[in-house]
Amino acid sequence: MTEWIASVIGEKEIGAIPVLTHLGVEMTGASLREAVTDGEVHARAVCKLAELYPTMASTMMMDLSVEAEAFGANVFFSERRMPDVEGRLLSDARSVDVLDIPTLDAGRIPAYLRANEIVAAQTDRPMLSGCIGPFSLAGRLFGMTEIMMALFLESECIHRLLQKCMKFIASYCQALREAGSNGVLMAEPAAGLLSGKLCAEFSSAYVREIVREAQRDDFVVILHNCGNTGQCTASMLETGAAGYHFGNKVNMRETLETCPHNVLVMGNLDPTAVLKQGTPESVYDATLQLLGQCGNFDNYVLSSGCDIPPETPKANIDAFFKALNDYQ
């Protein structure tokens, strides 16, 4: 993967890694509930997309409930929506202190590892798994409203929780690597709610430890924060990740100007307003506009700002890739 990143940066043509799994699920005829609970269904969707589109890497599902469920959180499943964490698992310092770090056979972790194994055996390109970031996981366990207050009132409690989240995510990353994954797209959207200083303390410090433990020549961490409006970019860069994935709330060109040239920088078409709700013509135009702003940066990778929602028209994704092809 170190060599792959160098080749991407050295390549004159721009590549694309949209976070595109839902379309693959729909094309297999499966429901989202089946895809997030059955590793074989999940894998078929990813492999179907690899057959159709010239992505630089395949991306697995961005499911922000998997790790929380492994800790014991209640999860609501739907046929057409991604699973949601319901309620709070943790309510105070004592519940944090008695919380056990789960094993890798908890919840749906085995199904996700199985999906990675299948895709790794079949793919002709790097595969990026999905995992949640430590602060976003802590927020799902403690409650987002409650954790935002606790940062100031019970910060030591939250740091103890983040330690447990960090250890579990690091072990999950290692299991994904052993399953054949080439890296993770780590989703840390809740960190976008924080100031740059708080992001550094309650997110980036823990992501940095995961990067130190998990990132290798054959396995990379790509840090995603679609909640970031620019205030978190500097603290994100402190993590030492091999790449960074930005949402549509940042100016992509200005962000590229602040990032080192030896890391991949990905983003940031609006997945809903542009890619799902737009027309093929408007998607084509928006993609060309973004490429015109960012295409002269060697480390830029065209992508969506987050995972592209269910029921996004295939014609819009086709227009995205047509614009990329016409730009080259």
Protein backbone atom coordinates (compact mmCIF):
# COMPACT_ATOMS: atom_id res chain seq x y z
CA MET A 1 0.00 0.00 0.00
CA THR A 2 2.94 2.34 0.56
CA GLU A 3 3.99 1.68 -3.02
CA TRP A 4 0.40 2.02 -4.21
CA ILE A 5 0.05 5.46 -2.63
CA ALA A 6 3.32 6.54 -4.22
CA SER A 7 2.08 5.31 -7.59
CA VAL A 8 -1.22 7.19 -7.18
CA ILE A 9 0.64 10.39 -6.41
CA GLY A 10 3.04 9.80 -9.30
CA GLU A 11 0.28 9.00 -11.80
CA LYS A 12 -0.70 11.89 -14.08
CA GLU A 13 -4.32 10.81 -14.36
CA ILE A 14 -6.72 11.32 -11.44
CA GLY A 15 -8.35 8.27 -9.90
CA ALA A 16 -11.64 7.92 -8.08
CA ILE A 17 -12.73 6.13 -4.91
CA PRO A 18 -16.37 7.06 -4.29
CA VAL A 19 -17.83 5.52 -1.13
CA LEU A 20 -20.26 3.46 -3.15
CA THR A 21 -21.78 0.30 -1.71
CA HIS A 22 -25.53 0.85 -1.61
CA LEU A 23 -25.87 0.78 -5.39
CA GLY A 24 -24.13 -2.58 -5.42
CA VAL A 25 -26.56 -3.94 -2.83
CA GLU A 26 -29.52 -2.76 -4.88
CA MET A 27 -28.09 -4.30 -8.05
CA THR A 28 -27.86 -7.70 -6.38
CA GLY A 29 -31.53 -7.50 -5.42
CA ALA A 30 -30.76 -7.77 -1.71
CA SER A 31 -32.04 -5.54 1.07
CA LEU A 32 -29.80 -3.39 3.20
CA ARG A 33 -30.69 -5.52 6.20
CA GLU A 34 -29.39 -8.59 4.38
CA ALA A 35 -26.20 -6.79 3.36
CA VAL A 36 -25.33 -5.65 6.88
CA THR A 37 -26.01 -9.04 8.45
CA ASP A 38 -24.74 -11.48 5.80
CA GLY A 39 -21.10 -11.23 4.76
CA GLU A 40 -21.70 -13.04 1.47
CA VAL A 41 -24.39 -10.55 0.40
CA HIS A 42 -22.13 -7.66 1.42
CA ALA A 43 -19.25 -9.11 -0.60
CA ARG A 44 -21.39 -9.68 -3.71
CA ALA A 45 -22.38 -6.02 -3.71
CA VAL A 46 -18.78 -4.83 -3.49
CA CYS A 47 -17.62 -7.23 -6.22
CA LYS A 48 -20.50 -6.19 -8.48
CA LEU A 49 -19.39 -2.56 -8.30
CA ALA A 50 -15.80 -3.54 -9.08
CA GLU A 51 -17.06 -5.18 -12.27
CA LEU A 52 -18.88 -2.02 -13.32
CA TYR A 53 -16.66 0.90 -12.35
CA PRO A 54 -12.91 1.63 -12.61
CA THR A 55 -12.43 2.64 -9.00
CA MET A 56 -8.86 2.78 -7.70
CA ALA A 57 -9.95 0.77 -4.66
CA SER A 58 -13.04 -1.08 -3.51
CA THR A 59 -14.73 0.22 -0.38
CA MET A 60 -16.71 -1.89 2.05
CA MET A 61 -19.85 -0.74 3.87
CA MET A 62 -19.67 2.39 6.03
CA ASP A 63 -21.78 1.02 8.89
CA LEU A 64 -21.40 3.07 12.08
CA SER A 65 -23.39 0.66 14.22
CA VAL A 66 -21.22 -2.47 13.99
CA GLU A 67 -18.68 -1.66 16.70
CA ALA A 68 -21.27 -0.14 19.05
CA GLU A 69 -23.39 -3.29 18.74
CA ALA A 70 -20.34 -5.39 19.60
CA PHE A 71 -20.06 -3.43 22.86
CA GLY A 72 -23.71 -4.24 23.59
CA ALA A 73 -25.62 -1.25 22.21
CA ASN A 74 -29.14 -1.79 20.91
CA VAL A 75 -29.38 -1.48 17.13
CA PHE A 76 -32.48 -0.94 14.99
CA PHE A 77 -32.51 -2.63 11.58
CA SER A 78 -34.43 -1.56 8.50
CA GLU A 79 -34.79 -3.04 5.03
CA ARG A 80 -33.91 0.26 3.29
CA ARG A 81 -31.81 2.22 5.81
CA MET A 82 -28.50 1.62 7.51
CA PRO A 83 -28.80 0.32 11.09
CA ASP A 84 -29.11 2.92 13.85
CA VAL A 85 -27.98 2.74 17.47
CA GLU A 86 -30.96 3.16 19.80
CA GLY A 87 -30.68 4.74 23.22
CA ARG A 88 -27.62 4.85 25.45
CA LEU A 89 -25.59 1.89 26.60
CA LEU A 90 -23.64 3.99 29.11
CA SER A 91 -24.95 6.63 31.50
CA ASP A 92 -22.23 7.44 34.03
CA ALA A 93 -18.64 6.86 35.09
CA ARG A 94 -19.40 3.54 36.75
CA SER A 95 -20.98 2.10 33.61
CA VAL A 96 -17.89 3.18 31.68
CA ASP A 97 -15.55 1.58 34.20
CA VAL A 98 -17.31 -1.81 34.14
CA LEU A 99 -17.63 -1.86 30.35
CA ASP A 100 -15.79 -4.81 28.83
CA ILE A 101 -13.88 -4.49 25.58
CA PRO A 102 -15.63 -6.99 23.29
CA THR A 103 -14.03 -9.90 21.52
CA LEU A 104 -14.02 -10.11 17.73
CA ASP A 105 -16.81 -12.68 17.68
CA ALA A 106 -19.33 -10.23 19.14
CA GLY A 107 -22.37 -9.02 17.23
CA ARG A 108 -21.95 -8.71 13.48
CA ILE A 109 -18.15 -8.42 13.54
CA PRO A 110 -17.76 -11.99 12.14
CA ALA A 111 -20.11 -11.17 9.24
CA TYR A 112 -18.04 -8.12 8.33
CA LEU A 113 -14.79 -10.04 8.58
CA ARG A 114 -16.28 -12.72 6.34
CA ALA A 115 -17.26 -10.10 3.75
CA ASN A 116 -13.70 -8.79 3.75
CA GLU A 117 -12.27 -12.28 3.30
CA ILE A 118 -14.46 -12.93 0.26
CA VAL A 119 -13.71 -9.62 -1.44
CA ALA A 120 -9.98 -9.91 -0.71
CA ALA A 121 -9.93 -13.28 -2.48
CA GLN A 122 -11.69 -11.91 -5.56
CA THR A 123 -10.71 -8.27 -6.00
CA ASP A 124 -8.25 -6.98 -8.60
CA ARG A 125 -7.58 -3.73 -6.70
CA PRO A 126 -6.86 -2.57 -3.15
CA MET A 127 -9.72 -3.03 -0.71
CA LEU A 128 -10.55 -0.49 1.99
CA SER A 129 -12.63 -1.80 4.86
CA GLY A 130 -14.83 0.37 7.02
CA CYS A 131 -14.51 1.11 10.71
CA ILE A 132 -15.73 3.81 13.05
CA GLY A 133 -13.47 6.32 14.76
CA PRO A 134 -12.99 6.38 18.54
CA PHE A 135 -14.91 9.56 19.36
CA SER A 136 -17.82 8.63 17.10
CA LEU A 137 -17.98 5.20 18.77
CA ALA A 138 -17.86 6.74 22.23
CA GLY A 139 -20.69 9.07 21.28
CA ARG A 140 -22.86 6.18 20.18
CA LEU A 141 -22.27 4.39 23.46
CA PHE A 142 -22.60 7.39 25.79
CA GLY A 143 -25.08 9.46 23.76
CA MET A 144 -23.97 12.35 21.58
CA THR A 145 -25.71 15.10 23.54
CA GLU A 146 -24.46 13.65 26.82
CA ILE A 147 -20.87 13.16 25.67
CA MET A 148 -20.63 16.75 24.43
CA MET A 149 -21.48 17.95 27.93
CA ALA A 150 -19.32 15.33 29.62
CA LEU A 151 -16.23 16.54 27.74
CA PHE A 152 -16.26 19.50 30.10
CA LEU A 153 -17.90 18.03 33.22
CA GLU A 154 -16.47 14.48 33.26
CA SER A 155 -13.52 14.57 30.89
CA GLU A 156 -11.56 11.83 32.70
CA CYS A 157 -14.53 9.47 32.36
CA ILE A 158 -14.68 10.15 28.62
CA HIS A 159 -10.94 9.58 28.28
CA ARG A 160 -11.35 6.18 29.96
CA LEU A 161 -14.14 5.35 27.52
CA LEU A 162 -12.03 6.48 24.56
CA GLN A 163 -9.21 4.22 25.70
CA LYS A 164 -11.53 1.23 25.50
CA CYS A 165 -12.91 2.31 22.12
CA MET A 166 -9.38 2.79 20.81
CA LYS A 167 -8.23 -0.65 21.93
CA PHE A 168 -11.19 -2.37 20.33
CA ILE A 169 -10.87 -0.48 17.02
CA ALA A 170 -7.15 -1.29 16.89
CA SER A 171 -7.88 -4.99 17.38
CA TYR A 172 -10.62 -4.86 14.75
CA CYS A 173 -8.22 -3.23 12.28
CA GLN A 174 -5.73 -6.03 12.90
CA ALA A 175 -8.45 -8.62 12.25
CA LEU A 176 -9.42 -6.86 9.03
CA ARG A 177 -5.78 -6.89 7.92
CA GLU A 178 -5.60 -10.62 8.63
CA ALA A 179 -8.78 -11.08 6.60
CA GLY A 180 -7.00 -9.60 3.59
CA SER A 181 -7.95 -5.94 3.79
CA ASN A 182 -5.47 -3.35 2.55
CA GLY A 183 -6.67 -0.60 4.86
CA VAL A 184 -9.59 1.08 6.56
CA LEU A 185 -11.66 4.12 5.81
CA MET A 186 -12.12 5.23 9.42
CA ALA A 187 -15.33 7.24 9.82
CA GLU A 188 -15.03 9.85 12.56
CA PRO A 189 -17.89 12.25 11.71
CA ALA A 190 -18.78 13.11 15.31
CA ALA A 191 -15.37 14.74 15.72
CA GLY A 192 -16.62 17.41 13.32
CA LEU A 193 -18.79 18.70 16.17
CA LEU A 194 -15.65 19.64 18.10
CA SER A 195 -13.35 22.63 17.96
CA GLY A 196 -9.88 22.02 16.60
CA LYS A 197 -8.45 21.87 20.13
CA LEU A 198 -11.08 19.44 21.40
CA CYS A 199 -10.76 17.34 18.25
CA ALA A 200 -7.04 17.00 18.91
CA GLU A 201 -7.65 15.90 22.52
CA PHE A 202 -10.69 13.66 22.19
CA SER A 203 -10.32 12.27 18.68
CA SER A 204 -6.96 12.71 16.98
CA ALA A 205 -4.89 11.60 19.98
CA TYR A 206 -6.71 8.25 19.95
CA VAL A 207 -6.75 7.90 16.16
CA ARG A 208 -2.98 8.47 16.26
CA GLU A 209 -2.57 5.51 18.60
CA ILE A 210 -4.64 3.31 16.29
CA VAL A 211 -2.53 4.44 13.34
CA ARG A 212 0.66 3.60 15.24
CA GLU A 213 -0.58 0.13 16.03
CA ALA A 214 -2.42 -0.76 12.80
CA GLN A 215 -0.81 1.09 9.91
CA ARG A 216 1.83 -0.90 8.03
CA ASP A 217 3.34 -0.99 4.54
CA ASP A 218 0.51 -3.34 3.56
CA PHE A 219 -2.30 -1.71 5.56
CA VAL A 220 -3.23 1.97 5.69
CA VAL A 221 -5.63 4.18 7.61
CA ILE A 222 -7.67 6.75 5.68
CA LEU A 223 -9.31 9.14 8.15
CA HIS A 224 -12.80 10.38 7.19
CA ASN A 225 -14.48 13.31 8.92
CA CYS A 226 -17.50 14.61 7.02
CA GLY A 227 -18.53 16.82 9.95
CA ASN A 228 -15.36 18.89 9.64
CA THR A 229 -15.93 22.39 8.31
CA GLY A 230 -12.21 23.17 8.32
CA GLN A 231 -11.63 23.62 12.03
CA CYS A 232 -10.50 20.00 12.48
CA THR A 233 -8.21 19.66 9.48
CA ALA A 234 -4.99 20.52 11.32
CA SER A 235 -5.75 18.10 14.16
CA MET A 236 -6.69 15.37 11.65
CA LEU A 237 -3.24 15.72 10.10
CA GLU A 238 -1.67 15.09 13.51
CA THR A 239 -2.84 11.46 13.37
CA GLY A 240 -0.23 10.35 10.84
CA ALA A 241 -2.81 8.59 8.68
CA ALA A 242 -1.83 7.68 5.14
CA GLY A 243 -4.80 9.55 3.70
CA TYR A 244 -7.67 11.86 4.58
CA HIS A 245 -11.24 11.86 3.31
CA PHE A 246 -13.23 15.10 3.54
CA GLY A 247 -16.93 15.88 3.41
CA ASN A 248 -18.65 18.50 1.32
CA LYS A 249 -18.54 21.12 4.10
CA VAL A 250 -14.92 22.02 3.34
CA ASN A 251 -13.44 23.86 0.38
CA MET A 252 -11.58 21.01 -1.29
CA ARG A 253 -8.94 23.11 -3.00
CA GLU A 254 -8.13 25.05 0.17
CA THR A 255 -7.95 21.77 2.08
CA LEU A 256 -5.53 20.29 -0.45
CA GLU A 257 -3.32 23.34 -0.04
CA THR A 258 -3.00 22.66 3.70
CA CYS A 259 -2.31 18.91 3.44
CA PRO A 260 1.11 17.32 2.90
CA HIS A 261 1.82 16.23 -0.65
CA ASN A 262 2.80 12.68 0.37
CA VAL A 263 -0.65 11.68 1.70
CA LEU A 264 -3.81 10.95 -0.27
CA VAL A 265 -6.53 13.59 0.00
CA MET A 266 -10.02 12.50 -1.03
CA GLY A 267 -13.40 14.18 -1.51
CA ASN A 268 -15.85 15.77 -1.72
CA LEU A 269 -18.98 15.81 -3.90
CA ASP A 270 -22.14 16.15 -1.84
CA PRO A 271 -23.47 12.57 -1.70
CA THR A 272 -27.11 13.63 -1.26
CA ALA A 273 -27.70 17.01 -2.90
CA VAL A 274 -25.45 16.28 -5.89
CA LEU A 275 -25.10 12.53 -6.38
CA LYS A 276 -28.50 11.30 -5.21
CA GLN A 277 -30.84 14.22 -5.86
CA GLY A 278 -29.13 15.62 -8.95
CA THR A 279 -29.61 14.70 -12.59
CA PRO A 280 -26.94 13.01 -14.71
CA GLU A 281 -26.27 16.40 -16.31
CA SER A 282 -25.88 18.22 -12.98
CA VAL A 283 -23.69 15.42 -11.57
CA TYR A 284 -21.49 15.58 -14.66
CA ASP A 285 -21.12 19.35 -14.37
CA ALA A 286 -20.43 19.29 -10.61
CA THR A 287 -17.82 16.57 -11.04
CA LEU A 288 -16.04 18.50 -13.80
CA GLN A 289 -16.14 21.66 -11.68
CA LEU A 290 -14.53 19.88 -8.72
CA LEU A 291 -11.89 18.32 -10.96
CA GLY A 292 -11.14 21.74 -12.41
CA GLN A 293 -10.49 23.06 -8.90
CA CYS A 294 -8.45 20.12 -7.62
CA GLY A 295 -7.11 18.22 -10.60
CA ASN A 296 -3.66 19.84 -10.52
CA PHE A 297 -2.86 18.32 -7.11
CA ASP A 298 -0.92 15.07 -7.54
CA ASN A 299 -2.26 13.57 -4.31
CA TYR A 300 -5.93 14.29 -5.02
CA VAL A 301 -8.41 11.41 -5.35
CA LEU A 302 -11.93 12.17 -6.58
CA SER A 303 -14.60 10.92 -4.19
CA SER A 304 -17.96 11.55 -2.63
CA GLY A 305 -18.02 13.55 0.59
CA CYS A 306 -19.41 10.55 2.48
CA ASP A 307 -21.12 7.26 1.66
CA ILE A 308 -23.51 7.65 -1.26
CA PRO A 309 -27.07 7.03 -0.01
CA PRO A 310 -29.40 4.21 -0.98
CA GLU A 311 -31.58 4.74 -4.05
CA THR A 312 -29.03 6.95 -5.79
CA PRO A 313 -29.72 6.61 -9.54
CA LYS A 314 -27.17 4.51 -11.38
CA ALA A 315 -27.26 7.08 -14.20
CA ASN A 316 -25.83 9.65 -11.78
CA ILE A 317 -22.90 7.40 -10.89
CA ASP A 318 -22.33 6.74 -14.58
CA ALA A 319 -22.22 10.52 -15.12
CA PHE A 320 -19.67 10.87 -12.31
CA PHE A 321 -17.31 8.43 -14.03
CA LYS A 322 -17.98 9.90 -17.49
CA ALA A 323 -16.94 13.32 -16.22
CA LEU A 324 -13.75 11.83 -14.78
CA ASN A 325 -12.98 10.08 -18.05
CA ASP A 326 -13.66 13.21 -20.12
CA TYR A 327 -11.50 15.35 -17.84
CA GLN A 328 -8.37 13.23 -18.30
